Amino acid sequence: MAARKGRGNTTVSFNGTAITNYTNEAEVSAAVDRIETTNFGSTGAESIAGDTEWTITLGGDFDNALETVLGPEAVTPGTKRTAVIAFVGSSATVTYTWTSNAEIQDFSISSSVGDKISWSATLALSGAPTRTSA
């Protein structure tokens, strides 16, 4: 099975603006809640799948152009935007899209003496994505 390095194989956009050039870390996460269904007649713990909480975690080298896209969203949160992330694999590109269902959950800019300025953000996503593979 072939593997791919991340450079050039992941694209990210938020609110219609590509932020790929400022991003060097990207992760899509789907955390599925488990609902406890154990009863007195159960012989062990029982559960069923619940709702899925989706997030995109991003990070990279700071640039004013990136801050222009994400900064205002962090200052005045709550507006649902569109987020798209695509991963190019060895056989297909898988794209996850949330249309008007993404908002900034966390945003930080960090700097140390003698080091580069970096940023990180978490996008909270409502509902399931539209997933395509081509």
C-alpha atoms as a PDB file:
ATOM      1  CA  MET A   1       0.000   0.000   0.000  1.00  0.00           C
ATOM      2  CA  ALA A   2       1.374   3.372  -1.001  1.00  0.00           C
ATOM      3  CA  ALA A   3       1.691   6.208   1.491  1.00  0.00           C
ATOM      4  CA  ARG A   4       1.818   9.947   0.854  1.00  0.00           C
ATOM      5  CA  LYS A   5       3.670  12.739   2.582  1.00  0.00           C
ATOM      6  CA  GLY A   6       1.499  15.671   3.645  1.00  0.00           C
ATOM      7  CA  ARG A   7       3.243  18.453   1.738  1.00  0.00           C
ATOM      8  CA  GLY A   8       1.171  19.421  -1.285  1.00  0.00           C
ATOM      9  CA  ASN A   9      -1.391  16.741  -0.555  1.00  0.00           C
ATOM     10  CA  THR A  10      -3.755  18.627   1.741  1.00  0.00           C
ATOM     11  CA  THR A  11      -5.800  21.736   0.986  1.00  0.00           C
ATOM     12  CA  VAL A  12      -7.836  23.819   3.416  1.00  0.00           C
ATOM     13  CA  SER A  13     -10.267  26.698   2.955  1.00  0.00           C
ATOM     14  CA  PHE A  14     -12.408  28.647   5.400  1.00  0.00           C
ATOM     15  CA  ASN A  15     -15.215  30.991   4.399  1.00  0.00           C
ATOM     16  CA  GLY A  16     -14.259  30.597   0.733  1.00  0.00           C
ATOM     17  CA  THR A  17     -10.615  31.610   1.285  1.00  0.00           C
ATOM     18  CA  ALA A  18      -7.768  29.142   0.794  1.00  0.00           C
ATOM     19  CA  ILE A  19      -5.497  28.990   3.857  1.00  0.00           C
ATOM     20  CA  THR A  20      -3.385  26.064   2.643  1.00  0.00           C
ATOM     21  CA  ASN A  21      -0.240  28.195   2.215  1.00  0.00           C
ATOM     22  CA  TYR A  22      -0.278  29.120   5.930  1.00  0.00           C
ATOM     23  CA  THR A  23      -1.120  25.638   7.200  1.00  0.00           C
ATOM     24  CA  ASN A  24       1.385  22.899   7.989  1.00  0.00           C
ATOM     25  CA  GLU A  25      -0.811  20.780  10.272  1.00  0.00           C
ATOM     26  CA  ALA A  26      -4.365  19.626   9.591  1.00  0.00           C
ATOM     27  CA  GLU A  27      -6.527  17.010  11.277  1.00  0.00           C
ATOM     28  CA  VAL A  28     -10.168  16.067  10.833  1.00  0.00           C
ATOM     29  CA  SER A  29     -11.614  14.362  13.890  1.00  0.00           C
ATOM     30  CA  ALA A  30     -14.934  12.574  14.355  1.00  0.00           C
ATOM     31  CA  ALA A  31     -15.669  11.734  18.000  1.00  0.00           C
ATOM     32  CA  VAL A  32     -18.694   9.443  18.302  1.00  0.00           C
ATOM     33  CA  ASP A  33     -20.596   9.631  21.596  1.00  0.00           C
ATOM     34  CA  ARG A  34     -21.507   6.322  23.190  1.00  0.00           C
ATOM     35  CA  ILE A  35     -24.907   6.104  24.885  1.00  0.00           C
ATOM     36  CA  GLU A  36     -25.072   3.741  27.863  1.00  0.00           C
ATOM     37  CA  THR A  37     -27.875   1.146  27.470  1.00  0.00           C
ATOM     38  CA  THR A  38     -26.862  -1.345  30.184  1.00  0.00           C
ATOM     39  CA  ASN A  39     -29.792  -2.663  32.249  1.00  0.00           C
ATOM     40  CA  PHE A  40     -30.191  -5.035  35.188  1.00  0.00           C
ATOM     41  CA  GLY A  41     -30.472  -8.002  32.796  1.00  0.00           C
ATOM     42  CA  SER A  42     -27.222  -7.161  30.994  1.00  0.00           C
ATOM     43  CA  THR A  43     -24.251  -9.493  31.332  1.00  0.00           C
ATOM     44  CA  GLY A  44     -21.798  -6.684  30.575  1.00  0.00           C
ATOM     45  CA  ALA A  45     -21.692  -2.999  29.665  1.00  0.00           C
ATOM     46  CA  GLU A  46     -23.892  -2.167  26.664  1.00  0.00           C
ATOM     47  CA  SER A  47     -23.997   0.959  24.541  1.00  0.00           C
ATOM     48  CA  ILE A  48     -25.076   2.318  21.172  1.00  0.00           C
ATOM     49  CA  ALA A  49     -23.589   4.961  18.915  1.00  0.00           C
ATOM     50  CA  GLY A  50     -24.757   8.514  19.544  1.00  0.00           C
ATOM     51  CA  ASP A  51     -24.059  11.800  17.809  1.00  0.00           C
ATOM     52  CA  THR A  52     -20.736  12.525  16.117  1.00  0.00           C
ATOM     53  CA  GLU A  53     -18.808  15.668  17.024  1.00  0.00           C
ATOM     54  CA  TRP A  54     -16.644  16.831  14.107  1.00  0.00           C
ATOM     55  CA  THR A  55     -13.669  19.198  14.414  1.00  0.00           C
ATOM     56  CA  ILE A  56     -10.824  20.343  12.201  1.00  0.00           C
ATOM     57  CA  THR A  57      -7.590  21.218  14.009  1.00  0.00           C
ATOM     58  CA  LEU A  58      -5.142  23.397  12.074  1.00  0.00           C
ATOM     59  CA  GLY A  59      -1.781  25.029  12.652  1.00  0.00           C
ATOM     60  CA  GLY A  60       1.094  26.645  10.829  1.00  0.00           C
ATOM     61  CA  ASP A  61       3.381  29.606  10.385  1.00  0.00           C
ATOM     62  CA  PHE A  62       1.765  32.941  11.201  1.00  0.00           C
ATOM     63  CA  ASP A  63       1.075  35.465   8.470  1.00  0.00           C
ATOM     64  CA  ASN A  64      -1.118  38.569   8.461  1.00  0.00           C
ATOM     65  CA  ALA A  65      -3.051  37.169   5.493  1.00  0.00           C
ATOM     66  CA  LEU A  66      -4.057  34.162   7.634  1.00  0.00           C
ATOM     67  CA  GLU A  67      -4.968  36.390  10.567  1.00  0.00           C
ATOM     68  CA  THR A  68      -7.185  38.444   8.244  1.00  0.00           C
ATOM     69  CA  VAL A  69      -9.227  35.296   7.541  1.00  0.00           C
ATOM     70  CA  LEU A  70      -9.420  33.735  11.027  1.00  0.00           C
ATOM     71  CA  GLY A  71      -8.821  36.658  13.420  1.00  0.00           C
ATOM     72  CA  PRO A  72     -12.151  38.461  12.915  1.00  0.00           C
ATOM     73  CA  GLU A  73     -13.985  35.160  13.359  1.00  0.00           C
ATOM     74  CA  ALA A  74     -12.266  34.638  16.718  1.00  0.00           C
ATOM     75  CA  VAL A  75     -12.998  38.206  17.878  1.00  0.00           C
ATOM     76  CA  THR A  76     -16.695  37.907  16.994  1.00  0.00           C
ATOM     77  CA  PRO A  77     -17.489  34.185  17.076  1.00  0.00           C
ATOM     78  CA  GLY A  78     -20.753  32.510  16.246  1.00  0.00           C
ATOM     79  CA  THR A  79     -21.122  33.084  12.517  1.00  0.00           C
ATOM     80  CA  LYS A  80     -21.405  29.798  10.622  1.00  0.00           C
ATOM     81  CA  ARG A  81     -19.013  29.627   7.656  1.00  0.00           C
ATOM     82  CA  THR A  82     -18.034  27.044   5.056  1.00  0.00           C
ATOM     83  CA  ALA A  83     -14.994  24.824   5.684  1.00  0.00           C
ATOM     84  CA  VAL A  84     -13.413  22.480   3.145  1.00  0.00           C
ATOM     85  CA  ILE A  85     -10.488  20.135   3.686  1.00  0.00           C
ATOM     86  CA  ALA A  86      -9.156  17.728   1.072  1.00  0.00           C
ATOM     87  CA  PHE A  87      -6.577  14.962   1.383  1.00  0.00           C
ATOM     88  CA  VAL A  88      -4.872  13.625  -1.747  1.00  0.00           C
ATOM     89  CA  GLY A  89      -4.171   9.921  -1.341  1.00  0.00           C
ATOM     90  CA  SER A  90      -2.348   7.566  -3.684  1.00  0.00           C
ATOM     91  CA  SER A  91      -5.586   6.492  -5.397  1.00  0.00           C
ATOM     92  CA  ALA A  92      -8.095   9.310  -4.784  1.00  0.00           C
ATOM     93  CA  THR A  93      -8.733  12.718  -3.246  1.00  0.00           C
ATOM     94  CA  VAL A  94     -11.107  12.692  -0.293  1.00  0.00           C
ATOM     95  CA  THR A  95     -12.856  16.006   0.394  1.00  0.00           C
ATOM     96  CA  TYR A  96     -14.903  16.916   3.473  1.00  0.00           C
ATOM     97  CA  THR A  97     -17.167  19.974   3.185  1.00  0.00           C
ATOM     98  CA  TRP A  98     -19.325  21.719   5.777  1.00  0.00           C
ATOM     99  CA  THR A  99     -21.453  24.368   4.063  1.00  0.00           C
ATOM    100  CA  SER A 100     -22.374  27.186   6.479  1.00  0.00           C
ATOM    101  CA  ASN A 101     -21.699  24.869   9.434  1.00  0.00           C
ATOM    102  CA  ALA A 102     -18.165  25.764  10.581  1.00  0.00           C
ATOM    103  CA  GLU A 103     -17.068  28.273  13.184  1.00  0.00           C
ATOM    104  CA  ILE A 104     -13.937  29.112  15.148  1.00  0.00           C
ATOM    105  CA  GLN A 105     -13.789  27.240  18.440  1.00  0.00           C
ATOM    106  CA  ASP A 106     -10.202  28.101  19.407  1.00  0.00           C
ATOM    107  CA  PHE A 107      -7.613  30.417  17.848  1.00  0.00           C
ATOM    108  CA  SER A 108      -4.135  31.188  19.139  1.00  0.00           C
ATOM    109  CA  ILE A 109      -0.980  32.939  17.999  1.00  0.00           C
ATOM    110  CA  SER A 110       2.236  32.015  19.783  1.00  0.00           C
ATOM    111  CA  SER A 111       5.788  33.302  19.717  1.00  0.00           C
ATOM    112  CA  SER A 112       9.049  32.634  21.527  1.00  0.00           C
ATOM    113  CA  VAL A 113      12.261  34.652  21.437  1.00  0.00           C
ATOM    114  CA  GLY A 114      14.372  33.433  18.550  1.00  0.00           C
ATOM    115  CA  ASP A 115      11.605  31.284  17.134  1.00  0.00           C
ATOM    116  CA  LYS A 116       9.028  31.720  14.425  1.00  0.00           C
ATOM    117  CA  ILE A 117       5.511  32.949  15.170  1.00  0.00           C
ATOM    118  CA  SER A 118       2.965  30.197  14.788  1.00  0.00           C
ATOM    119  CA  TRP A 119      -0.803  29.868  14.949  1.00  0.00           C
ATOM    120  CA  SER A 120      -3.331  27.149  15.697  1.00  0.00           C
ATOM    121  CA  ALA A 121      -7.089  26.914  15.429  1.00  0.00           C
ATOM    122  CA  THR A 122      -9.885  24.465  15.974  1.00  0.00           C
ATOM    123  CA  LEU A 123     -12.986  24.658  13.816  1.00  0.00           C
ATOM    124  CA  ALA A 124     -16.185  23.378  15.426  1.00  0.00           C
ATOM    125  CA  LEU A 125     -18.414  21.771  12.812  1.00  0.00           C
ATOM    126  CA  SER A 126     -22.167  21.280  12.963  1.00  0.00           C
ATOM    127  CA  GLY A 127     -23.679  18.202  11.385  1.00  0.00           C
ATOM    128  CA  ALA A 128     -22.096  15.646   9.112  1.00  0.00           C
ATOM    129  CA  PRO A 129     -19.893  16.711   6.209  1.00  0.00           C
ATOM    130  CA  THR A 130     -20.513  16.194   2.550  1.00  0.00           C
ATOM    131  CA  ARG A 131     -17.813  13.665   1.709  1.00  0.00           C
ATOM    132  CA  THR A 132     -16.583  13.059  -1.815  1.00  0.00           C
ATOM    133  CA  SER A 133     -13.895  10.747  -3.139  1.00  0.00           C
ATOM    134  CA  ALA A 134     -12.597  11.161  -6.661  1.00  0.00           C
END
